[in-house]
Amino acid sequence: KKKLKISGRELLSVPTQIFGLEQLQVLEISPERESCLRYRMELLPQEIGRLRNLTCLYVDSNNLKKIPAEIGTLSCLERLTLSNNSLSSLPAEMGALQRLQSLHLANNSLTELPAPLCQLRSLTFLDVSDNKIDTIPSSIRHLEKLETLLLLFNSLESLPEDVCLLRNLHTLWLGNNHLRSLPAAFGELVNLDWGYSYCSCNFEGNPLESPPPEVCSRGPEGIRDYFSSLRRI
């Protein structure tokens, strides 16, 4: 069996027999959005590390408070979804998931962007929306392949200049933070899809002063002109 979905009312734990399915590639332990099922699993078992062939692990909408260090042994993992849980931290061992391309962490209780995430060189999608993150480490520049970064509804007061080195970014959502300014090199993110309504680069809900919102709405060229004018003053 290569794919398995677990379901059940008031789900509290995973049957131990599952960890003997060593050829399993996709494991889903998330309730259907339209169902009335409620999952309450607080801990992902350490035995998860036995499923070495997993490429996709879906554990959204539970009550996870901790991810075991054994997650780092899943060297084939490409997609990991942990949104809508109660996570306040992540194990350093996650930095070993060098094939990981998509990581969903929205709606948890993270207060920082964990350093191990910045070691994931294959990451193209990262969603850390709706947490309590107040800083972005400069090491984010190592995510060279990152195309989508969702940071909505956090507590960010500033962005490091290193964000501007993520030249493969196509989507960057920054809405509903506490940003008063953007890095001077922000206009260099020319691969952002600044298309209709500038939906790929969202600043709404921030008290932006430099540059002001009307400048941001002009896209990267307007932002570059704004900072150029400041340097001439």
Protein backbone atom coordinates (compact mmCIF):
# COMPACT_ATOMS: atom_id res chain seq x y z
CA LYS A 1 0.00 0.00 0.00
CA LYS A 2 1.55 3.30 -1.13
CA LYS A 3 -1.12 5.77 0.06
CA LEU A 4 -3.13 5.81 3.29
CA LYS A 5 -5.69 8.17 4.78
CA ILE A 6 -6.64 7.75 8.45
CA SER A 7 -10.02 8.97 9.65
CA GLY A 8 -12.14 8.61 12.75
CA ARG A 9 -14.13 10.68 15.19
CA GLU A 10 -12.19 12.32 18.01
CA LEU A 11 -8.96 10.82 16.66
CA LEU A 12 -6.33 10.87 19.42
CA SER A 13 -3.56 8.62 18.10
CA VAL A 14 -2.31 6.68 15.11
CA PRO A 15 -2.64 2.87 15.09
CA THR A 16 0.86 1.43 15.62
CA GLN A 17 0.41 -1.08 12.79
CA ILE A 18 0.78 1.76 10.30
CA PHE A 19 4.46 2.17 11.10
CA GLY A 20 5.10 -1.30 9.71
CA LEU A 21 4.02 -0.17 6.22
CA GLU A 22 7.57 0.64 5.18
CA GLN A 23 6.66 1.20 1.50
CA LEU A 24 4.11 3.89 2.35
CA GLN A 25 4.63 7.08 0.32
CA VAL A 26 1.62 9.25 1.24
CA LEU A 27 0.14 9.42 4.75
CA GLU A 28 -2.82 11.67 5.48
CA ILE A 29 -4.00 12.24 9.05
CA SER A 30 -6.09 15.37 8.45
CA PRO A 31 -9.87 15.68 8.71
CA GLU A 32 -11.84 16.60 5.62
CA ARG A 33 -12.59 20.32 5.71
CA GLU A 34 -16.27 19.78 4.99
CA SER A 35 -16.69 16.99 7.57
CA CYS A 36 -17.71 17.33 11.21
CA LEU A 37 -14.85 15.11 12.40
CA ARG A 38 -12.54 16.54 15.06
CA TYR A 39 -8.98 15.28 15.43
CA ARG A 40 -7.18 15.82 18.72
CA MET A 41 -3.82 14.17 18.23
CA GLU A 42 -1.27 16.10 20.31
CA LEU A 43 1.90 14.21 19.42
CA LEU A 44 3.16 12.72 16.20
CA PRO A 45 4.64 9.36 17.30
CA GLN A 46 8.41 8.84 17.18
CA GLU A 47 7.76 5.76 15.06
CA ILE A 48 7.01 8.07 12.14
CA GLY A 49 10.74 7.82 11.44
CA ARG A 50 10.27 4.21 10.30
CA LEU A 51 8.35 5.34 7.21
CA ARG A 52 11.50 6.17 5.24
CA ASN A 53 9.74 6.18 1.85
CA LEU A 54 7.22 8.90 2.71
CA THR A 55 7.10 11.69 0.16
CA CYS A 56 3.95 13.41 1.50
CA LEU A 57 2.80 13.75 5.12
CA TYR A 58 -0.43 15.61 5.87
CA VAL A 59 -1.15 16.31 9.55
CA ASP A 60 -3.25 19.50 9.36
CA SER A 61 -6.01 20.45 11.78
CA ASN A 62 -5.06 18.32 14.76
CA ASN A 63 -3.85 19.54 18.13
CA LEU A 64 -0.15 18.83 17.66
CA LYS A 65 2.07 20.41 20.29
CA LYS A 66 5.32 18.72 19.36
CA ILE A 67 7.02 17.20 16.32
CA PRO A 68 9.49 14.41 17.15
CA ALA A 69 13.15 14.65 16.15
CA GLU A 70 12.64 11.47 14.12
CA ILE A 71 10.94 13.58 11.45
CA GLY A 72 14.46 14.34 10.23
CA THR A 73 14.98 10.74 9.09
CA LEU A 74 12.29 11.06 6.37
CA SER A 75 14.84 11.85 3.70
CA CYS A 76 12.37 11.36 0.82
CA LEU A 77 9.81 13.84 2.16
CA GLU A 78 8.78 16.47 -0.38
CA ARG A 79 5.57 17.85 1.12
CA LEU A 80 4.73 18.40 4.81
CA THR A 81 1.56 20.08 6.04
CA LEU A 82 1.27 21.01 9.73
CA SER A 83 -1.19 23.92 9.56
CA ASN A 84 -3.90 24.47 12.18
CA ASN A 85 -2.15 22.88 15.14
CA SER A 86 -0.65 24.14 18.43
CA LEU A 87 3.04 24.11 17.57
CA SER A 88 5.27 26.66 19.30
CA SER A 89 8.56 25.21 18.04
CA LEU A 90 10.03 22.77 15.52
CA PRO A 91 12.88 20.31 15.97
CA ALA A 92 16.30 21.23 14.60
CA GLU A 93 16.30 17.87 12.81
CA MET A 94 13.87 19.28 10.24
CA GLY A 95 16.91 20.86 8.62
CA ALA A 96 17.82 17.40 7.33
CA LEU A 97 14.77 17.26 5.02
CA GLN A 98 16.76 18.32 1.98
CA ARG A 99 14.14 17.14 -0.53
CA LEU A 100 11.34 19.13 1.09
CA GLN A 101 9.70 21.46 -1.42
CA SER A 102 6.45 22.50 0.29
CA LEU A 103 5.97 23.29 3.99
CA HIS A 104 2.67 24.47 5.50
CA LEU A 105 2.79 25.90 9.05
CA ALA A 106 -0.10 28.38 9.04
CA ASN A 107 -2.18 28.96 12.16
CA ASN A 108 0.14 27.65 14.85
CA SER A 109 1.85 29.44 17.77
CA LEU A 110 5.33 29.95 16.30
CA THR A 111 7.08 33.09 17.55
CA GLU A 112 10.05 32.90 15.18
CA LEU A 113 10.99 31.43 11.85
CA PRO A 114 13.05 28.43 13.02
CA ALA A 115 16.66 28.46 11.81
CA PRO A 116 16.50 24.82 10.54
CA LEU A 117 13.97 25.91 7.91
CA CYS A 118 16.59 28.13 6.32
CA GLN A 119 18.68 25.03 5.58
CA LEU A 120 16.02 23.56 3.29
CA ARG A 121 17.58 24.45 -0.06
CA SER A 122 14.88 22.68 -2.11
CA LEU A 123 12.00 24.60 -0.54
CA THR A 124 9.80 26.38 -3.09
CA PHE A 125 6.68 26.98 -0.93
CA LEU A 126 6.59 28.16 2.69
CA ASP A 127 3.44 29.24 4.52
CA VAL A 128 3.88 30.57 8.06
CA SER A 129 0.80 32.79 8.08
CA ASP A 130 -1.23 33.42 11.22
CA ASN A 131 1.45 32.76 13.83
CA LYS A 132 3.21 35.19 16.20
CA ILE A 133 6.47 35.57 14.29
CA ASP A 134 8.17 38.91 14.94
CA THR A 135 11.53 38.47 13.20
CA ILE A 136 12.87 36.87 10.03
CA PRO A 137 16.48 35.61 10.31
CA SER A 138 19.00 36.84 7.76
CA SER A 139 19.74 33.18 6.98
CA ILE A 140 16.52 33.13 4.94
CA ARG A 141 18.75 34.10 2.01
CA HIS A 142 19.78 30.43 1.78
CA LEU A 143 16.31 29.49 0.47
CA GLU A 144 17.48 30.15 -3.07
CA LYS A 145 14.65 28.24 -4.76
CA LEU A 146 11.82 29.76 -2.73
CA GLU A 147 8.98 30.91 -5.00
CA THR A 148 6.13 31.44 -2.51
CA LEU A 149 6.47 32.95 0.97
CA LEU A 150 3.30 33.65 2.97
CA LEU A 151 3.79 35.75 6.11
CA LEU A 152 0.32 37.21 6.66
CA PHE A 153 -1.08 37.82 10.14
CA ASN A 154 2.15 37.79 12.13
CA SER A 155 3.94 40.39 14.28
CA LEU A 156 6.69 41.48 11.90
CA GLU A 157 8.02 44.98 12.48
CA SER A 158 10.77 44.78 9.88
CA LEU A 159 12.22 42.63 7.10
CA PRO A 160 15.95 41.87 6.73
CA GLU A 161 17.68 43.05 3.57
CA ASP A 162 18.40 39.37 2.91
CA VAL A 163 14.77 38.85 1.85
CA CYS A 164 15.65 40.88 -1.23
CA LEU A 165 18.12 38.15 -2.26
CA LEU A 166 15.27 35.69 -2.84
CA ARG A 167 15.23 36.47 -6.55
CA ASN A 168 13.03 33.46 -7.42
CA LEU A 169 10.12 34.75 -5.34
CA HIS A 170 6.91 35.01 -7.35
CA THR A 171 4.52 35.45 -4.43
CA LEU A 172 5.17 37.31 -1.17
CA TRP A 173 2.28 38.08 1.16
CA LEU A 174 3.06 40.44 4.05
CA GLY A 175 -0.42 41.66 4.96
CA ASN A 176 -1.53 42.34 8.53
CA ASN A 177 1.83 42.75 10.23
CA HIS A 178 3.44 45.79 11.89
CA LEU A 179 5.72 46.85 9.04
CA ARG A 180 6.53 50.56 8.87
CA SER A 181 9.25 50.27 6.25
CA LEU A 182 10.61 47.96 3.57
CA PRO A 183 14.26 47.20 2.82
CA ALA A 184 15.86 49.63 0.38
CA ALA A 185 16.51 46.80 -2.09
CA PHE A 186 12.91 45.56 -2.05
CA GLY A 187 12.33 46.83 -5.58
CA GLU A 188 14.91 44.32 -6.82
CA LEU A 189 12.40 41.49 -6.38
CA VAL A 190 11.47 41.86 -10.02
CA ASN A 191 10.23 38.27 -10.40
CA LEU A 192 7.28 38.93 -8.14
CA ASP A 193 4.12 38.67 -10.18
CA TRP A 194 3.07 42.28 -9.63
CA GLY A 195 0.08 41.73 -11.92
CA TYR A 196 -3.55 42.68 -11.51
CA SER A 197 -4.24 44.39 -8.15
CA TYR A 198 -0.67 43.47 -7.09
CA CYS A 199 -2.13 40.36 -5.47
CA SER A 200 1.22 38.56 -5.37
CA CYS A 201 2.78 41.16 -3.09
CA ASN A 202 0.30 42.14 -0.44
CA PHE A 203 1.00 44.90 2.12
CA GLU A 204 -2.52 45.56 3.41
CA GLY A 205 -2.92 45.94 7.15
CA ASN A 206 0.56 47.40 7.72
CA PRO A 207 1.30 50.98 8.91
CA LEU A 208 3.74 51.50 6.02
CA GLU A 209 5.52 54.85 5.93
CA SER A 210 8.60 54.12 3.83
CA PRO A 211 7.59 53.68 1.10
CA PRO A 212 3.95 54.74 1.57
CA PRO A 213 1.19 52.43 0.28
CA GLU A 214 0.56 54.50 -2.87
CA VAL A 215 4.18 53.96 -3.90
CA CYS A 216 3.99 50.23 -3.22
CA SER A 217 0.98 50.02 -5.51
CA ARG A 218 3.19 51.08 -8.42
CA GLY A 219 5.21 47.88 -8.17
CA PRO A 220 8.99 47.38 -8.09
CA GLU A 221 9.84 50.30 -10.36
CA GLY A 222 7.96 52.74 -8.16
CA ILE A 223 9.68 51.37 -5.05
CA ARG A 224 13.12 51.66 -6.67
CA ASP A 225 12.41 55.26 -7.73
CA TYR A 226 11.27 56.11 -4.21
CA PHE A 227 14.46 54.89 -2.56
CA SER A 228 16.60 56.44 -5.29
CA SER A 229 15.02 59.82 -4.55
CA LEU A 230 15.82 59.41 -0.85
CA ARG A 231 19.48 58.80 -1.63
CA ARG A 232 19.63 62.02 -3.69
CA ILE A 233 18.32 64.11 -0.82
